[in-house]
Protein backbone atom coordinates (compact mmCIF):
# COMPACT_ATOMS: atom_id res chain seq x y z
CA MET A 1 0.45 -0.14 -0.04
CA ALA A 2 1.40 3.29 -0.96
CA VAL A 3 2.31 6.11 1.81
CA ALA A 4 0.35 8.57 2.11
CA ARG A 5 1.90 12.42 3.24
CA SER A 6 1.59 13.39 6.83
CA PRO A 7 -1.71 14.98 7.32
CA ARG A 8 -2.39 18.39 8.43
CA ALA A 9 -2.08 18.41 12.37
CA VAL A 10 -3.11 15.79 14.76
CA VAL A 11 -3.30 15.48 18.19
CA GLY A 12 -0.16 16.29 19.61
CA LEU A 13 1.72 18.36 17.14
CA LEU A 14 4.57 19.53 19.58
CA ALA A 15 5.88 18.79 22.54
CA LEU A 16 7.35 22.01 24.06
CA ALA A 17 10.87 21.46 26.21
CA ILE A 18 12.69 24.19 27.22
CA ALA A 19 15.84 24.17 29.44
CA VAL A 20 16.95 27.10 32.24
CA ALA A 21 18.51 29.66 31.40
CA ALA A 22 21.33 32.33 32.72
CA TRP A 23 19.67 34.50 34.69
CA SER A 24 20.95 36.55 37.98
CA VAL A 25 18.20 36.51 40.69
CA ALA A 26 16.93 39.70 42.78
CA PRO A 27 17.42 39.47 46.27
CA ALA A 28 14.32 37.43 48.63
CA THR A 29 12.05 39.66 50.23
CA GLY A 30 9.16 39.69 52.38
CA ALA A 31 5.92 39.55 50.35
CA THR A 32 2.74 38.73 52.22
CA GLN A 33 1.31 35.48 51.38
CA ALA A 34 -1.88 35.71 49.53
CA SER A 35 -5.70 33.87 50.33
CA PRO A 36 -7.12 34.47 46.85
CA ASP A 37 -10.98 33.75 46.00
CA PRO A 38 -11.25 31.64 43.02
CA ALA A 39 -14.99 32.95 42.32
CA VAL A 40 -13.72 36.34 41.37
CA GLU A 41 -13.54 36.58 37.49
CA CYS A 42 -11.07 39.07 35.58
CA PRO A 43 -8.90 38.96 38.48
CA PRO A 44 -5.83 41.60 38.71
CA VAL A 45 -2.78 40.87 37.03
CA LEU A 46 0.77 41.31 38.67
CA PRO A 47 3.25 42.93 36.31
CA LEU A 48 6.14 40.55 35.74
CA ASP A 49 8.37 43.27 36.29
CA GLN A 50 6.90 43.11 40.02
CA VAL A 51 7.82 39.69 40.43
CA SER A 52 11.03 39.26 42.09
CA ALA A 53 12.96 36.00 44.42
CA GLY A 54 11.61 35.42 47.69
CA MET A 55 8.15 36.45 46.84
CA ARG A 56 5.44 34.08 48.65
CA GLY A 57 2.15 33.10 47.08
CA THR A 58 -0.77 31.04 46.82
CA ALA A 59 -1.61 28.53 44.03
CA VAL A 60 -5.49 26.67 43.79
CA SER A 61 -5.91 23.36 42.53
CA VAL A 62 -8.17 20.41 42.68
CA THR A 63 -6.71 17.16 43.97
CA SER A 64 -10.14 15.01 44.74
CA GLY A 65 -13.82 16.08 43.74
CA ARG A 66 -14.10 19.28 43.32
CA SER A 67 -12.87 20.95 45.88
CA LEU A 68 -10.16 23.59 45.88
CA SER A 69 -6.84 22.84 47.74
CA SER A 70 -4.48 25.51 47.97
CA PHE A 71 -0.60 25.48 48.41
CA SER A 72 2.41 27.64 48.48
CA ALA A 73 4.95 28.84 45.69
CA GLU A 74 7.93 30.74 46.47
CA VAL A 75 9.45 32.77 43.38
CA LEU A 76 12.81 31.43 42.65
CA GLY A 77 13.24 33.39 39.78
CA VAL A 78 12.86 34.51 36.27
CA LEU A 79 13.87 33.19 33.24
CA GLN A 80 13.66 35.24 30.57
CA ASP A 81 12.66 34.49 26.55
CA ALA A 82 12.57 30.78 27.84
CA VAL A 83 9.70 29.81 25.80
CA GLY A 84 10.48 32.05 22.74
CA PRO A 85 11.42 35.84 22.03
CA GLY A 86 9.34 38.30 25.13
CA ARG A 87 7.83 34.56 26.43
CA ASP A 88 9.52 34.72 30.06
CA ILE A 89 8.85 31.81 32.88
CA ILE A 90 8.21 32.59 36.41
CA VAL A 91 9.93 29.72 38.38
CA VAL A 92 8.69 28.41 42.11
CA ASP A 93 9.21 26.33 44.72
CA LEU A 94 5.67 24.64 45.52
CA SER A 95 5.29 23.83 49.09
CA GLY A 96 2.43 22.25 51.39
CA PRO A 97 0.24 19.38 52.23
CA ALA A 98 -1.31 18.33 48.17
CA VAL A 99 2.20 18.87 47.11
CA THR A 100 3.34 16.05 49.35
CA ALA A 101 0.49 14.15 49.19
CA ALA A 102 0.80 14.44 45.41
CA GLY A 103 4.91 13.11 45.78
CA GLY A 104 5.60 16.32 44.02
CA LEU A 105 4.15 18.44 41.10
CA TRP A 106 1.85 16.16 38.87
CA ALA A 107 0.38 16.48 35.23
CA GLY A 108 -2.84 17.85 34.99
CA ALA A 109 -1.86 20.79 37.33
CA SER A 110 -1.20 23.01 34.40
CA GLY A 111 -3.15 25.71 34.56
CA SER A 112 -2.77 26.04 38.37
CA PRO A 113 -3.68 29.72 39.36
CA VAL A 114 -0.58 32.03 41.74
CA TYR A 115 -1.28 34.65 43.37
CA PHE A 116 0.63 36.73 44.71
CA ARG A 117 -0.92 40.06 47.34
CA SER A 118 0.18 43.45 46.22
CA GLY A 119 -1.79 46.30 47.05
CA GLY A 120 -4.18 45.10 49.40
CA LEU A 121 -5.24 42.89 46.68
CA ASP A 122 -4.83 39.01 45.24
CA ARG A 123 -3.38 39.39 42.05
CA LEU A 124 -2.45 36.89 39.35
CA ALA A 125 1.41 36.35 38.67
CA GLY A 126 0.49 33.39 36.23
CA ALA A 127 -0.35 29.40 35.83
CA ILE A 128 1.82 26.78 36.57
CA ALA A 129 2.87 25.25 33.11
CA TYR A 130 6.49 23.55 33.52
CA GLY A 131 8.14 21.25 35.35
CA LEU A 132 11.36 18.97 35.67
CA ALA A 133 11.22 16.07 33.33
CA GLY A 134 10.58 12.69 34.94
CA GLY A 135 8.60 14.68 38.07
CA GLY A 136 8.81 13.96 41.95
CA SER A 137 9.89 17.53 41.68
CA THR A 138 8.50 20.54 43.84
CA LEU A 139 9.68 23.03 40.85
CA ALA A 140 7.84 24.65 38.62
CA GLY A 141 7.44 26.87 36.09
CA LEU A 142 4.33 29.25 35.40
CA THR A 143 3.29 31.21 32.58
CA PRO A 144 3.53 34.80 33.20
CA ALA A 145 -0.56 36.08 33.73
CA GLN A 146 -0.59 38.59 30.73
CA ASP A 147 0.68 36.15 28.34
CA MET A 148 -2.78 34.21 29.06
CA TYR A 149 -4.69 37.58 28.87
CA ASP A 150 -2.82 37.72 25.61
CA VAL A 151 -4.91 34.70 24.27
CA LEU A 152 -8.23 36.31 24.67
CA ALA A 153 -7.06 38.80 22.47
CA ILE A 154 -5.68 35.89 19.62
CA GLY A 155 -2.51 37.35 19.03
CA GLU A 156 -0.17 35.67 17.20
CA ASP A 157 2.13 33.79 18.90
CA THR A 158 6.08 33.51 18.82
CA PRO A 159 7.61 30.53 17.69
CA SER A 160 9.21 28.39 20.52
CA THR A 161 13.18 28.54 20.67
CA ALA A 162 14.19 24.58 21.63
CA SER A 163 16.86 25.37 24.33
CA VAL A 164 18.80 28.02 25.80
CA ALA A 165 22.31 27.75 28.03
CA VAL A 166 21.65 27.16 32.01
CA PRO A 167 22.87 29.84 34.40
CA ARG A 168 24.72 28.80 37.42
CA ALA A 169 22.83 31.06 39.77
CA LEU A 170 18.85 30.50 39.18
CA ALA A 171 20.47 26.84 38.85
CA ALA A 172 22.00 26.60 42.14
CA ARG A 173 18.74 28.48 43.92
CA MET A 174 16.70 25.69 42.18
CA SER A 175 19.15 23.18 43.46
CA ALA A 176 18.77 24.21 47.07
CA ALA A 177 15.18 24.52 46.68
CA SER A 178 14.85 21.05 45.55
CA GLY A 179 17.74 19.38 46.82
CA LEU A 180 18.47 18.03 43.97
CA SER A 181 21.99 18.32 41.75
CA ILE A 182 22.58 21.50 39.80
CA THR A 183 22.06 18.89 36.58
CA GLN A 184 18.99 17.57 37.13
CA THR A 185 17.58 21.18 37.60
CA ALA A 186 19.04 22.21 34.42
CA THR A 187 15.87 21.69 32.54
CA LEU A 188 12.18 22.68 32.59
CA SER A 189 9.50 20.70 30.46
CA ARG A 190 5.92 21.43 29.40
CA LEU A 191 3.93 19.58 32.37
CA LYS A 192 2.58 16.47 30.57
CA THR A 193 -0.95 16.59 29.84
CA PRO A 194 -3.19 13.61 31.02
CA LEU A 195 -5.15 12.40 28.13
CA SER A 196 -8.51 10.57 29.45
CA ALA A 197 -9.36 7.74 26.95
CA SER A 198 -12.93 6.04 26.95
CA GLY A 199 -13.89 3.25 24.92
CA LEU A 200 -10.77 1.20 24.75
CA THR A 201 -9.75 -2.03 26.14
CA ASP A 202 -6.31 -2.38 27.90
CA ARG A 203 -4.15 -3.34 24.30
CA GLY A 204 -6.17 -0.05 22.76
CA LEU A 205 -4.66 1.98 25.31
CA ARG A 206 -1.70 0.72 25.32
CA SER A 207 -1.48 0.82 21.74
CA MET A 208 -2.45 5.11 22.09
CA GLN A 209 0.50 5.32 24.47
CA ALA A 210 2.82 3.67 22.31
CA ALA A 211 1.79 5.76 19.42
CA ILE A 212 2.75 8.69 22.21
CA ASP A 213 5.83 7.91 22.78
CA ARG A 214 7.29 7.19 19.56
CA GLN A 215 6.51 10.80 18.45
CA GLY A 216 7.49 11.95 21.86
CA LEU A 217 4.35 13.74 22.23
CA PRO A 218 3.67 15.13 25.80
CA PHE A 219 0.54 12.99 27.07
CA ILE A 220 -0.04 10.49 29.64
CA ALA A 221 -3.14 8.13 28.58
CA TYR A 222 -4.99 6.77 30.55
CA MET A 223 -8.43 4.44 30.31
CA GLY A 224 -11.37 7.07 31.47
CA SER A 225 -14.89 7.79 31.41
CA SER A 226 -17.02 8.42 27.96
CA ALA A 227 -18.91 11.59 27.78
CA SER A 228 -22.10 12.41 25.34
CA ASN A 229 -22.48 15.59 23.27
CA ASN A 230 -26.11 16.17 24.95
CA PRO A 231 -25.38 16.27 28.56
CA PRO A 232 -27.50 18.26 30.58
CA PRO A 233 -26.48 21.84 31.64
CA PRO A 234 -23.86 23.21 33.78
CA THR A 235 -24.94 22.81 37.54
CA ALA A 236 -22.09 24.61 38.65
CA ARG A 237 -20.20 27.68 37.60
CA LEU A 238 -16.79 27.22 36.65
CA ARG A 239 -13.99 28.85 38.98
CA ALA A 240 -10.52 29.97 38.51
CA GLY A 241 -8.43 26.06 39.72
CA ASP A 242 -11.11 23.73 38.91
CA SER A 243 -10.27 20.94 36.87
CA PHE A 244 -10.40 21.50 32.99
CA ALA A 245 -11.29 19.00 30.57
CA ALA A 246 -10.63 19.96 26.83
CA ALA A 247 -12.49 16.80 24.74
CA MET A 248 -11.22 16.56 21.06
CA SER A 249 -13.80 13.37 20.82
CA LEU A 250 -17.35 12.69 22.93
CA GLY A 251 -19.20 9.69 22.69
CA ASP A 252 -17.91 6.30 22.50
CA VAL A 253 -14.55 7.43 22.45
CA THR A 254 -14.32 9.75 24.52
CA THR A 255 -10.61 11.57 24.54
CA ALA A 256 -9.97 14.89 26.53
CA GLY A 257 -6.97 16.41 27.21
CA ILE A 258 -6.91 17.59 31.66
CA GLY A 259 -5.79 20.30 33.06
CA THR A 260 -7.01 23.30 35.12
CA THR A 261 -8.71 26.63 34.56
CA THR A 262 -6.43 29.35 35.30
CA PHE A 263 -9.45 32.06 35.24
CA VAL A 264 -12.47 33.16 34.00
CA CYS A 265 -13.29 36.36 32.37
CA ASN A 266 -16.57 37.95 30.79
CA GLY A 267 -17.79 34.51 29.79
CA LYS A 268 -15.03 33.40 28.98
CA ALA A 269 -12.07 31.03 30.20
CA VAL A 270 -8.30 30.34 30.03
CA ALA A 271 -6.14 27.06 30.84
CA PHE A 272 -3.64 25.11 30.58
CA GLY A 273 -0.81 27.69 30.94
CA HIS A 274 0.51 25.87 27.85
CA PRO A 275 -0.56 24.58 24.38
CA PHE A 276 -2.66 21.16 24.05
CA ASN A 277 -1.86 20.80 20.05
CA TRP A 278 -0.78 24.28 19.52
CA THR A 279 -2.96 24.65 16.41
CA GLY A 280 -4.13 28.29 16.77
CA ASP A 281 -7.46 28.82 16.29
CA THR A 282 -9.14 25.25 17.30
CA THR A 283 -12.51 23.85 17.85
CA MET A 284 -12.84 21.74 20.75
CA ALA A 285 -15.63 20.76 23.69
CA ILE A 286 -14.88 22.50 27.35
CA ARG A 287 -15.89 20.17 30.02
CA ALA A 288 -16.07 20.20 33.50
CA ALA A 289 -14.05 17.35 35.07
CA ASP A 290 -14.39 15.45 38.38
CA THR A 291 -10.97 14.40 39.90
CA ILE A 292 -10.68 11.09 41.28
CA THR A 293 -7.36 11.48 42.48
CA ILE A 294 -3.56 12.32 42.12
CA VAL A 295 -2.05 9.10 40.83
CA LYS A 296 1.99 8.55 41.86
CA ASP A 297 2.98 6.89 39.44
CA PRO A 298 7.32 5.57 39.24
CA ILE A 299 7.01 5.89 34.76
CA PHE A 300 5.35 8.85 34.23
CA GLY A 301 5.31 10.70 36.76
CA SER A 302 2.61 11.88 39.39
CA TYR A 303 -0.96 12.53 37.47
CA LYS A 304 -4.79 14.03 37.64
CA LEU A 305 -7.24 10.88 36.89
CA ALA A 306 -10.68 12.52 36.07
CA ASN A 307 -14.14 11.75 34.76
CA ILE A 308 -15.20 13.73 32.15
CA ALA A 309 -18.40 15.84 32.95
CA GLU A 310 -20.57 18.00 32.02
CA SER A 311 -20.33 20.39 28.98
CA LEU A 312 -19.26 24.55 29.52
CA GLY A 313 -18.52 25.39 26.27
CA THR A 314 -16.32 25.57 22.99
CA LEU A 315 -12.79 26.09 23.32
CA THR A 316 -11.25 28.32 20.39
CA GLN A 317 -8.05 29.17 20.90
CA ASP A 318 -4.93 27.03 21.44
CA ARG A 319 -1.46 29.23 22.05
CA LEU A 320 1.41 29.44 23.94
CA GLY A 321 0.04 30.95 26.78
CA GLY A 322 -2.64 28.35 27.34
CA ILE A 323 -6.00 27.36 25.78
CA ALA A 324 -9.00 29.19 25.82
CA GLY A 325 -12.67 29.37 24.74
CA SER A 326 -16.72 30.75 25.08
CA LEU A 327 -18.42 29.28 28.20
CA GLY A 328 -22.35 28.58 27.08
CA THR A 329 -22.82 26.70 23.62
CA ALA A 330 -20.79 23.24 22.63
CA PRO A 331 -19.62 22.60 19.52
CA VAL A 332 -20.93 20.60 16.98
CA GLY A 333 -18.28 17.39 15.75
CA SER A 334 -18.41 14.77 12.99
CA PRO A 335 -20.31 11.57 13.82
CA ILE A 336 -18.93 8.27 13.35
CA THR A 337 -21.09 5.31 13.69
CA SER A 338 -20.83 1.86 13.47
CA SER A 339 -23.02 -1.72 13.45
CA VAL A 340 -21.22 -4.49 13.98
CA THR A 341 -21.88 -8.40 14.29
CA ASP A 342 -20.59 -11.23 15.63
CA LEU A 343 -22.28 -13.89 13.39
CA ASP A 344 -20.98 -16.79 15.58
CA LEU A 345 -22.61 -15.31 18.58
CA GLN A 346 -25.68 -13.43 16.78
CA ARG A 347 -24.43 -10.31 18.91
CA THR A 348 -24.89 -7.27 17.59
CA ARG A 349 -23.73 -3.80 18.66
CA THR A 350 -24.18 0.01 17.27
CA GLY A 351 -21.74 2.58 17.90
CA ARG A 352 -21.57 6.59 17.88
CA SER A 353 -18.94 8.50 18.69
CA GLU A 354 -18.10 12.46 17.08
CA ALA A 355 -14.74 14.29 16.65
CA ILE A 356 -14.85 17.89 17.78
CA PHE A 357 -11.51 18.36 17.21
CA PRO A 358 -11.58 18.31 12.71
CA ASP A 359 -8.17 16.84 12.27
CA PHE A 360 -8.64 13.93 15.08
CA LEU A 361 -11.14 12.49 13.09
CA PRO A 362 -8.93 9.97 11.27
CA PHE A 363 -7.25 8.22 14.22
CA LEU A 364 -10.69 8.61 15.97
CA ALA A 365 -12.09 6.90 13.26
CA PHE A 366 -9.76 3.88 13.33
CA THR A 367 -10.10 3.57 17.44
CA HIS A 368 -13.87 3.79 17.26
CA LEU A 369 -14.32 1.14 14.76
CA PHE A 370 -11.45 -1.22 16.43
CA GLN A 371 -12.83 -0.82 19.54
CA ASN A 372 -16.31 -1.74 18.29
CA VAL A 373 -14.90 -4.83 17.09
CA ASP A 374 -13.00 -5.72 20.12
CA VAL A 375 -15.98 -5.28 22.59
CA THR A 376 -18.81 -7.36 20.59
CA ILE A 377 -16.81 -10.38 19.17
CA ASP A 378 -14.94 -9.91 22.47
CA ARG A 379 -11.70 -11.80 21.79
CA ILE A 380 -8.67 -11.46 20.40
CA GLY A 381 -7.83 -13.75 17.15
CA GLY A 382 -8.28 -14.34 13.19
CA GLY A 383 -11.35 -13.99 11.69
CA SER A 384 -12.96 -13.31 8.39
CA SER A 385 -15.36 -9.85 7.80
CA GLU A 386 -17.69 -8.16 5.71
CA MET A 387 -17.96 -4.27 6.08
CA GLU A 388 -19.66 -1.67 4.32
CA TYR A 389 -18.98 1.98 4.66
CA ALA A 390 -19.38 5.49 3.65
CA ILE A 391 -17.37 8.35 3.92
CA HIS A 392 -18.78 11.85 4.02
CA GLY A 393 -17.00 15.20 3.72
CA THR A 394 -16.77 19.05 1.52
CA ARG A 395 -14.02 20.43 -0.40
CA GLY A 396 -12.75 23.77 -0.43
CA ASP A 397 -15.82 25.53 -2.04
CA GLY A 398 -18.07 23.92 0.14
CA SER A 399 -19.20 21.22 -2.18
CA PRO A 400 -19.79 18.00 -0.67
CA TRP A 401 -18.31 14.81 -1.73
CA GLU A 402 -18.74 10.81 -0.85
CA LEU A 403 -16.87 7.62 -0.71
CA LEU A 404 -18.69 4.17 -0.51
CA ARG A 405 -17.10 0.82 -0.59
CA SER A 406 -18.45 -2.84 0.38
CA THR A 407 -15.17 -5.24 0.64
CA ARG A 408 -14.15 -7.98 2.81
CA TYR A 409 -11.20 -9.24 5.07
CA ALA A 410 -9.39 -12.18 6.76
CA SER A 411 -6.82 -12.48 9.05
CA PRO A 412 -5.35 -15.29 10.67
CA ASP A 413 -3.65 -13.35 13.92
CA ASP A 414 -6.41 -10.25 14.42
CA ILE A 415 -9.78 -9.68 12.58
CA SER A 416 -10.38 -6.75 14.59
CA PHE A 417 -7.18 -5.00 13.15
CA ASP A 418 -7.17 -6.11 9.97
CA SER A 419 -11.03 -5.16 9.41
CA VAL A 420 -10.61 -1.72 10.29
CA VAL A 421 -7.09 -0.57 8.94
CA GLU A 422 -8.19 0.24 5.63
CA LEU A 423 -10.83 2.69 7.04
CA GLY A 424 -8.66 4.37 9.01
CA PHE A 425 -6.25 4.72 6.75
CA THR A 426 -8.24 6.35 3.83
CA ALA A 427 -10.22 8.42 6.42
CA GLU A 428 -6.42 10.22 6.87
CA THR A 429 -5.25 10.49 3.45
CA LEU A 430 -8.29 12.01 1.93
CA GLN A 431 -8.80 14.41 4.89
CA GLY A 432 -4.54 15.08 4.78
CA PHE A 433 -4.81 16.02 1.05
CA GLU A 434 -2.94 19.37 0.93
CA GLY A 435 -4.13 20.67 -2.41
CA GLU A 436 -7.58 21.67 -1.29
CA ASP A 437 -9.14 22.54 2.10
CA ILE A 438 -10.74 19.15 2.19
CA THR A 439 -12.72 18.40 5.46
CA VAL A 440 -14.26 15.29 6.45
CA THR A 441 -17.90 15.64 7.87
CA SER A 442 -19.05 11.78 9.22
CA ILE A 443 -18.06 8.24 8.83
CA ASP A 444 -20.50 5.37 8.97
CA VAL A 445 -20.35 2.08 8.79
CA PRO A 446 -23.33 0.62 8.48
CA LYS A 447 -22.69 -2.85 8.00
CA LEU A 448 -19.41 -4.82 9.48
CA GLU A 449 -20.44 -8.67 10.24
CA VAL A 450 -17.68 -10.94 11.64
CA THR A 451 -16.80 -14.68 11.84
CA LYS A 452 -14.11 -16.44 13.51
CA ALA A 453 -13.36 -18.62 10.62
CA PHE A 454 -10.54 -17.93 8.45
CA GLN A 455 -11.80 -18.11 5.18
CA ARG A 456 -9.45 -16.64 2.37
CA TYR A 457 -8.70 -17.86 -1.74
CA ASP A 458 -5.37 -17.82 -3.01
CA VAL A 459 -4.57 -17.37 -6.61
CA ARG A 460 -2.04 -19.89 -7.23
CA ARG A 461 -1.55 -20.27 -11.28
CA LEU A 462 -2.49 -18.25 -14.35
CA LEU A 463 -3.67 -19.63 -17.84
CA VAL A 464 -4.17 -18.17 -20.95
CA TRP A 465 -7.10 -19.23 -23.97
CA ASN A 466 -5.16 -20.41 -26.96
CA GLY A 467 -8.44 -20.56 -29.38
CA SER A 468 -8.97 -24.03 -27.74
CA GLN A 469 -8.21 -24.15 -24.56
CA TYR A 470 -7.04 -22.67 -21.76
CA VAL A 471 -2.85 -23.46 -20.92
CA VAL A 472 -0.01 -22.24 -19.24
CA ARG A 473 2.13 -19.94 -20.88
CA GLU A 474 4.96 -17.53 -19.89
CA PHE A 475 4.06 -14.78 -22.36
CA ALA A 476 0.55 -13.84 -23.82
CA SER A 477 0.54 -11.77 -27.08
CA ALA A 478 -2.03 -9.69 -29.05
CA ARG A 479 -2.81 -6.64 -31.49
CA PRO A 480 -4.29 -3.39 -29.95
CA GLY A 481 -7.92 -3.62 -29.42
CA ARG A 482 -8.11 -7.19 -29.03
CA THR A 483 -9.14 -9.24 -26.11
CA ILE A 484 -7.32 -11.31 -23.67
CA ARG A 485 -8.76 -14.54 -22.26
CA LEU A 486 -7.54 -15.87 -19.18
CA ARG A 487 -8.38 -18.20 -15.92
CA ALA A 488 -7.37 -17.97 -12.75
CA VAL A 489 -6.64 -20.89 -10.34
CA LEU A 490 -7.47 -20.39 -7.15
CA ARG A 491 -7.01 -23.12 -3.55
CA PRO A 492 -8.50 -22.22 -0.33
CA VAL A 493 -5.90 -21.61 1.96
CA ASN A 494 -7.18 -24.42 4.48
CA GLY A 495 -7.00 -26.74 1.92
CA GLY A 496 -9.64 -28.04 -0.34
CA ALA A 497 -11.02 -28.13 -4.09
CA THR A 498 -9.43 -25.15 -6.32
CA ARG A 499 -11.73 -23.00 -8.26
CA ASN A 500 -11.71 -21.42 -11.93
CA VAL A 501 -12.38 -17.63 -12.39
CA ASP A 502 -12.15 -16.66 -15.78
CA LEU A 503 -11.76 -13.12 -17.05
CA ALA A 504 -10.93 -10.70 -20.06
CA LEU A 505 -8.59 -7.87 -20.53
CA LYS A 506 -8.97 -5.77 -23.95
CA VAL A 507 -5.89 -4.24 -25.05
CA PRO A 508 -6.05 -0.60 -25.65
CA GLN A 509 -6.13 0.64 -29.00
CA ASN A 510 -3.67 2.92 -28.94
CA ALA A 511 -1.39 0.68 -27.01
CA ARG A 512 2.42 1.05 -28.17
CA ARG A 513 4.61 -1.21 -26.00
CA SER A 514 4.55 -4.44 -24.43
CA GLY A 515 4.48 -5.25 -20.64
CA TYR A 516 2.96 -7.67 -18.29
CA ILE A 517 0.18 -9.35 -17.45
CA GLU A 518 -0.95 -9.74 -13.82
CA VAL A 519 -3.82 -11.39 -11.79
CA LEU A 520 -4.28 -10.87 -8.20
CA GLY A 521 -6.57 -10.97 -4.82
CA GLY A 522 -8.65 -7.67 -3.89
CA GLY A 523 -7.26 -8.74 -0.14
CA SER A 524 -3.66 -8.31 -1.39
CA ILE A 525 -4.29 -4.59 -2.99
CA GLY A 526 -4.11 -1.31 -2.14
CA PRO A 527 -5.23 2.20 -3.76
CA GLU A 528 -3.40 3.04 -6.58
CA ILE A 529 -2.59 6.51 -4.90
CA PRO A 530 -1.20 9.01 -7.45
CA CYS A 531 2.23 9.85 -6.87
CA PHE A 532 1.79 13.30 -5.84
CA ILE A 533 0.33 12.11 -2.91
CA VAL A 534 3.66 10.05 -2.35
CA GLU A 535 6.39 11.69 -1.29
CA ASP A 536 9.39 11.91 -3.23
CA GLU A 537 7.99 9.55 -6.35
CA CYS A 538 6.86 11.82 -8.56
CA VAL A 539 10.03 12.63 -11.10
CA GLU A 540 8.03 16.08 -11.85
CA ASP A 541 5.99 18.39 -10.06
CA THR A 542 2.46 17.52 -10.80
CA ASP A 543 -0.66 19.49 -10.19
CA GLY A 544 -2.93 16.42 -8.77
CA THR A 545 -6.55 17.27 -8.11
CA PHE A 546 -8.86 15.86 -5.00
CA ASP A 547 -10.67 14.24 -7.84
CA GLN A 548 -7.93 11.92 -8.75
CA LEU A 549 -7.01 11.19 -5.41
CA LEU A 550 -10.76 10.23 -4.33
CA ASN A 551 -11.36 7.87 -8.09
CA ALA A 552 -8.19 6.04 -6.54
CA PHE A 553 -9.90 5.03 -3.59
CA LYS A 554 -13.17 4.52 -5.71
CA ASN A 555 -11.20 2.25 -7.85
CA GLN A 556 -10.11 0.47 -5.50
CA PRO A 557 -11.31 -3.31 -6.07
CA PRO A 558 -12.90 -4.60 -2.85
CA GLY A 559 -10.98 -7.77 -0.79
CA ASP A 560 -13.57 -10.82 -2.23
CA ALA A 561 -12.19 -9.58 -6.25
CA VAL A 562 -10.12 -11.76 -8.41
CA VAL A 563 -8.19 -8.92 -10.69
CA ALA A 564 -6.75 -8.99 -14.03
CA ARG A 565 -4.34 -6.14 -14.94
CA LEU A 566 -2.47 -5.05 -18.09
CA ARG A 567 0.61 -2.98 -17.70
CA LEU A 568 2.58 -1.25 -20.32
CA GLY A 569 6.16 0.22 -20.80
CA ASP A 570 9.46 0.20 -18.41
CA ALA A 571 7.25 1.93 -15.97
CA GLY A 572 3.81 -0.78 -15.64
CA VAL A 573 1.37 1.76 -16.48
CA LEU A 574 -1.70 0.65 -15.75
CA ARG A 575 -3.89 0.26 -19.33
CA ALA A 576 -6.72 -2.28 -18.72
CA GLN A 577 -8.47 -4.05 -15.85
CA SER A 578 -11.33 -6.34 -15.34
CA SER A 579 -12.64 -8.29 -12.19
CA VAL A 580 -15.05 -10.84 -10.17
CA ARG A 581 -15.96 -10.61 -7.22
CA GLU A 582 -16.25 -14.07 -4.85
CA ASP A 583 -17.89 -15.14 -1.93
CA THR A 584 -14.42 -14.36 0.18
CA VAL A 585 -11.21 -12.95 0.43
CA VAL A 586 -8.76 -13.05 -2.35
CA GLY A 587 -5.02 -13.30 -1.87
CA GLY A 588 -1.86 -13.79 -3.72
CA ARG A 589 -0.73 -12.99 -7.19
CA VAL A 590 0.54 -14.36 -10.54
CA ALA A 591 1.68 -12.53 -13.24
CA ILE A 592 3.11 -13.25 -17.08
CA GLY A 593 5.07 -11.27 -19.81
CA PHE A 594 2.75 -9.52 -22.35
CA LEU A 595 4.09 -9.11 -25.89
CA LEU A 596 2.21 -6.50 -28.14
CA ILE A 597 2.00 -7.36 -31.62
CA ARG A 598 1.67 -4.73 -34.47
């Protein structure tokens, strides 16, 4: 199967890591510790130039249920231009019962507001967003409050730098506060985001985390709760410090990043203090979250375990300074529906998931269907399946398109996976088309029937009609415009009687070169993806169209077809094709030469 270009941004486009740079620390001051009211909207900002080492303030976050906990934060220094030009970080040391109980800073604390008392007011200095890699430390980096207010103005963000030099002065102060060596305190990284994923079996969750790790993304996947996209209205008001869920999908497979609300202002909320997917403009669902506990994990570090709760609004911004959106109306996503039947158990399950974050849809389609098959057949193993699916979408000009397909699959090892990988690849390639703004608006699988019987034929021999009978030939020959009659001999993989399938190929009238004939099973064929979709395979620049790509998938033979192809020239260009469908999957391939007679 051809490999398509990477699609537009998908979940977790950037793992933002930064190193601490040299900076002289101001002398300690005797600032008064704050007792903030998290219900206050649009909290006043403590300007960054008024933050100095030794100041003591209060951080607010949820570690259980929806009860707010407060803990202390002492400023160690300010790291200038750490995330990018003009993007500073306030380095603090955290302390208090909540921090001790969690074993240090935890993933999911991102966005926890930190206040300092100044001028008789509790002023927001920033939000916890960074920590030492691996966790287990009380050191944290704060995104300044003004940077988070700027997210509401939808300003343009400056690209981040990868790293900067480590200052001895600040590293020494961090080392003294944490008890770690100067080397261990030399790097601050964006806190990992707990990724709640419902509807996943254990192997599905392991596969998701493996994909996250391969891409170096800052997520910790855990088996979470599902959430419908038509929940009851909010029962509580969102406060600073409350758990905050940014949902990319809802329904059977609910996937949401868990963090903390930094502040609410004029009907909008800001959270995390760092990006989620860093797409700038975005569409996700803002959901409340009920925190179960802070999990102490020796591998990933401590993280917040939470259930996704009621709808709160629509997330519209995903920026360096944090994520933000409007409270109230929930977004409308792209539905993925499926009906899976186990023919052996006579059991059917229908499912529905909804992609709220559009770029997440191809991965969601694969995951939703994979899990629906898994839980319906309730086993891991081989078998056969028959499937129908429809993918609908819109083009750059708003006009609709659709792809309808009926096919079969067979697998000796894992029929769940082999039944759904094609759909995921197809959706990803279509939506990832770079020549036009393509959107997949819905995916429907009205029929996916599975049986544990592994049924497949393989093409074993190819015979050519010589005018009186079918015979074995190393070459077939014909003039332009003539028809070549072929017979494919199929054999069941599990033994049994062979089956003959007759096909015919008409040589194009304008054929000029010889080539070869191949007969193969549809189960061995991927779509003939145009070369402009595949990296580095076009000899010259080609302005390919979405119609060409869509037709490649529409013309892809089903898995139960026996296909004959005539390929001409040194490049083996496909010039003629015919097929016959069988009642089970067909694999294998046999080829012979073709001599053009002039």
